[in-house]
Amino acid sequence: MLRIDYIELPSRDVAATSAFFASAFGWGTVDYGPDYRGLAEAGIDGGIDGTADRAAAPLVILKAEDLAAAEARVRAAGGTVTRPAFAFPGGRRFHFREPGGTEMAVWSET
């Protein structure tokens, strides 16, 4: 079974979003570069994504032990891979759209 592990929030201005979250909610951030900050003390692991190709809505990310097996299950259940597996700091992940239209992702440490 896969569980929700991480949520990415899109932003056109990462610094302004970070400042808002700090002021409104007391959340901290961890700087991973000009276009990405991780959330700290938000109650769930997540990040603020300011990259040009970011999702247009919050991205729910599931964690898997076996990324290839998770992708096979997504495809078998009718999901469409929208971004093939790629490496990022901490592991690999792929994005998919479930039949109702929600884009999600699955990541693995290996």
C-alpha atoms as a PDB file:
ATOM      1  CA  MET A   1       0.000   0.000   0.000  1.00  0.00           C
ATOM      2  CA  LEU A   2       1.243   3.493  -0.829  1.00  0.00           C
ATOM      3  CA  ARG A   3       0.658   6.398   1.551  1.00  0.00           C
ATOM      4  CA  ILE A   4       0.710  10.161   1.120  1.00  0.00           C
ATOM      5  CA  ASP A   5       4.218  11.244   2.035  1.00  0.00           C
ATOM      6  CA  TYR A   6       4.725  14.773   0.692  1.00  0.00           C
ATOM      7  CA  ILE A   7       2.776  17.705  -0.752  1.00  0.00           C
ATOM      8  CA  GLU A   8       4.226  20.295  -3.136  1.00  0.00           C
ATOM      9  CA  LEU A   9       2.571  23.677  -3.367  1.00  0.00           C
ATOM     10  CA  PRO A  10       3.053  25.696  -6.564  1.00  0.00           C
ATOM     11  CA  SER A  11       4.143  29.327  -6.310  1.00  0.00           C
ATOM     12  CA  ARG A  12       4.929  32.129  -8.756  1.00  0.00           C
ATOM     13  CA  ASP A  13       6.977  33.791  -5.982  1.00  0.00           C
ATOM     14  CA  VAL A  14       8.678  31.321  -3.634  1.00  0.00           C
ATOM     15  CA  ALA A  15      10.022  34.048  -1.306  1.00  0.00           C
ATOM     16  CA  ALA A  16       6.598  35.674  -0.916  1.00  0.00           C
ATOM     17  CA  THR A  17       4.886  32.317  -0.322  1.00  0.00           C
ATOM     18  CA  SER A  18       7.525  31.397   2.274  1.00  0.00           C
ATOM     19  CA  ALA A  19       7.105  34.736   4.060  1.00  0.00           C
ATOM     20  CA  PHE A  20       3.317  34.349   4.042  1.00  0.00           C
ATOM     21  CA  PHE A  21       3.451  30.842   5.525  1.00  0.00           C
ATOM     22  CA  ALA A  22       5.889  32.032   8.215  1.00  0.00           C
ATOM     23  CA  SER A  23       3.723  35.014   9.145  1.00  0.00           C
ATOM     24  CA  ALA A  24       0.316  33.358   8.910  1.00  0.00           C
ATOM     25  CA  PHE A  25       1.102  29.855  10.201  1.00  0.00           C
ATOM     26  CA  GLY A  26       4.533  29.949  11.849  1.00  0.00           C
ATOM     27  CA  TRP A  27       5.985  27.501   9.304  1.00  0.00           C
ATOM     28  CA  GLY A  28       9.669  27.560   8.490  1.00  0.00           C
ATOM     29  CA  THR A  29      11.317  26.669   5.211  1.00  0.00           C
ATOM     30  CA  VAL A  30      14.526  24.983   4.097  1.00  0.00           C
ATOM     31  CA  ASP A  31      16.145  26.616   1.065  1.00  0.00           C
ATOM     32  CA  TYR A  32      16.988  24.177  -1.737  1.00  0.00           C
ATOM     33  CA  GLY A  33      17.751  26.839  -4.341  1.00  0.00           C
ATOM     34  CA  PRO A  34      16.043  29.806  -5.953  1.00  0.00           C
ATOM     35  CA  ASP A  35      12.964  27.850  -7.071  1.00  0.00           C
ATOM     36  CA  TYR A  36      12.340  25.387  -4.244  1.00  0.00           C
ATOM     37  CA  ARG A  37      11.968  25.436  -0.479  1.00  0.00           C
ATOM     38  CA  GLY A  38      11.007  22.593   1.794  1.00  0.00           C
ATOM     39  CA  LEU A  39       8.392  23.169   4.481  1.00  0.00           C
ATOM     40  CA  ALA A  40       9.344  22.908   8.159  1.00  0.00           C
ATOM     41  CA  GLU A  41       6.961  22.509  11.105  1.00  0.00           C
ATOM     42  CA  ALA A  42       3.911  22.358   8.787  1.00  0.00           C
ATOM     43  CA  GLY A  43       2.496  19.084  10.158  1.00  0.00           C
ATOM     44  CA  ILE A  44       3.300  17.170   6.958  1.00  0.00           C
ATOM     45  CA  ASP A  45       6.415  17.034   4.841  1.00  0.00           C
ATOM     46  CA  GLY A  46       6.164  19.273   1.801  1.00  0.00           C
ATOM     47  CA  GLY A  47       7.661  21.989  -0.307  1.00  0.00           C
ATOM     48  CA  ILE A  48       7.067  25.177  -2.265  1.00  0.00           C
ATOM     49  CA  ASP A  49       7.794  24.700  -5.966  1.00  0.00           C
ATOM     50  CA  GLY A  50       8.545  27.744  -8.092  1.00  0.00           C
ATOM     51  CA  THR A  51      10.011  25.983 -11.116  1.00  0.00           C
ATOM     52  CA  ALA A  52       8.640  26.872 -14.543  1.00  0.00           C
ATOM     53  CA  ASP A  53       7.282  23.355 -15.195  1.00  0.00           C
ATOM     54  CA  ARG A  54       5.593  22.961 -11.802  1.00  0.00           C
ATOM     55  CA  ALA A  55       2.133  21.483 -11.467  1.00  0.00           C
ATOM     56  CA  ALA A  56      -0.712  24.018 -11.633  1.00  0.00           C
ATOM     57  CA  ALA A  57      -2.255  22.686  -8.414  1.00  0.00           C
ATOM     58  CA  PRO A  58      -0.890  21.178  -5.201  1.00  0.00           C
ATOM     59  CA  LEU A  59       0.877  17.902  -5.970  1.00  0.00           C
ATOM     60  CA  VAL A  60       0.246  14.960  -3.648  1.00  0.00           C
ATOM     61  CA  ILE A  61       3.244  12.634  -3.594  1.00  0.00           C
ATOM     62  CA  LEU A  62       3.099   8.994  -2.504  1.00  0.00           C
ATOM     63  CA  LYS A  63       6.097   6.983  -1.303  1.00  0.00           C
ATOM     64  CA  ALA A  64       6.942   3.535  -2.661  1.00  0.00           C
ATOM     65  CA  GLU A  65       9.625   0.997  -1.877  1.00  0.00           C
ATOM     66  CA  ASP A  66       9.698  -0.128  -5.530  1.00  0.00           C
ATOM     67  CA  LEU A  67       9.162   2.698  -8.026  1.00  0.00           C
ATOM     68  CA  ALA A  68       8.898   0.446 -11.093  1.00  0.00           C
ATOM     69  CA  ALA A  69       6.276  -1.753  -9.424  1.00  0.00           C
ATOM     70  CA  ALA A  70       4.292   1.324  -8.366  1.00  0.00           C
ATOM     71  CA  GLU A  71       4.370   2.652 -11.926  1.00  0.00           C
ATOM     72  CA  ALA A  72       3.167  -0.702 -13.260  1.00  0.00           C
ATOM     73  CA  ARG A  73       0.263  -0.662 -10.772  1.00  0.00           C
ATOM     74  CA  VAL A  74      -0.655   2.922 -11.726  1.00  0.00           C
ATOM     75  CA  ARG A  75      -0.736   1.992 -15.417  1.00  0.00           C
ATOM     76  CA  ALA A  76      -2.667  -1.252 -14.789  1.00  0.00           C
ATOM     77  CA  ALA A  77      -5.301   0.688 -12.816  1.00  0.00           C
ATOM     78  CA  GLY A  78      -5.854   3.135 -15.695  1.00  0.00           C
ATOM     79  CA  GLY A  79      -3.475   5.950 -14.744  1.00  0.00           C
ATOM     80  CA  THR A  80      -1.459   7.845 -17.350  1.00  0.00           C
ATOM     81  CA  VAL A  81       2.185   8.679 -16.693  1.00  0.00           C
ATOM     82  CA  THR A  82       2.627  12.406 -17.391  1.00  0.00           C
ATOM     83  CA  ARG A  83       6.302  12.677 -16.443  1.00  0.00           C
ATOM     84  CA  PRO A  84       8.571   9.624 -16.683  1.00  0.00           C
ATOM     85  CA  ALA A  85      10.729   8.659 -13.715  1.00  0.00           C
ATOM     86  CA  PHE A  86      13.507  11.148 -13.003  1.00  0.00           C
ATOM     87  CA  ALA A  87      16.158  11.628 -10.339  1.00  0.00           C
ATOM     88  CA  PHE A  88      15.998  14.398  -7.745  1.00  0.00           C
ATOM     89  CA  PRO A  89      17.912  15.001  -4.496  1.00  0.00           C
ATOM     90  CA  GLY A  90      16.800  12.114  -2.297  1.00  0.00           C
ATOM     91  CA  GLY A  91      15.612   9.614  -4.887  1.00  0.00           C
ATOM     92  CA  ARG A  92      13.539   9.171  -8.043  1.00  0.00           C
ATOM     93  CA  ARG A  93       9.908   9.861  -8.907  1.00  0.00           C
ATOM     94  CA  PHE A  94       7.332   9.872 -11.686  1.00  0.00           C
ATOM     95  CA  HIS A  95       4.123  11.864 -12.159  1.00  0.00           C
ATOM     96  CA  PHE A  96       0.790  10.474 -13.298  1.00  0.00           C
ATOM     97  CA  ARG A  97      -2.820  11.465 -13.807  1.00  0.00           C
ATOM     98  CA  GLU A  98      -5.547   9.260 -12.368  1.00  0.00           C
ATOM     99  CA  PRO A  99      -8.658   8.655 -14.545  1.00  0.00           C
ATOM    100  CA  GLY A 100     -10.575  11.526 -12.892  1.00  0.00           C
ATOM    101  CA  GLY A 101      -7.868  14.029 -13.832  1.00  0.00           C
ATOM    102  CA  THR A 102      -5.865  14.619 -10.639  1.00  0.00           C
ATOM    103  CA  GLU A 103      -2.107  14.718 -11.172  1.00  0.00           C
ATOM    104  CA  MET A 104      -0.095  12.951  -8.488  1.00  0.00           C
ATOM    105  CA  ALA A 105       3.439  11.565  -8.124  1.00  0.00           C
ATOM    106  CA  VAL A 106       5.182   8.560  -6.607  1.00  0.00           C
ATOM    107  CA  TRP A 107       8.717   8.681  -5.246  1.00  0.00           C
ATOM    108  CA  SER A 108      11.246   6.184  -3.946  1.00  0.00           C
ATOM    109  CA  GLU A 109      14.600   6.540  -2.254  1.00  0.00           C
ATOM    110  CA  THR A 110      16.148   4.159  -4.800  1.00  0.00           C
END
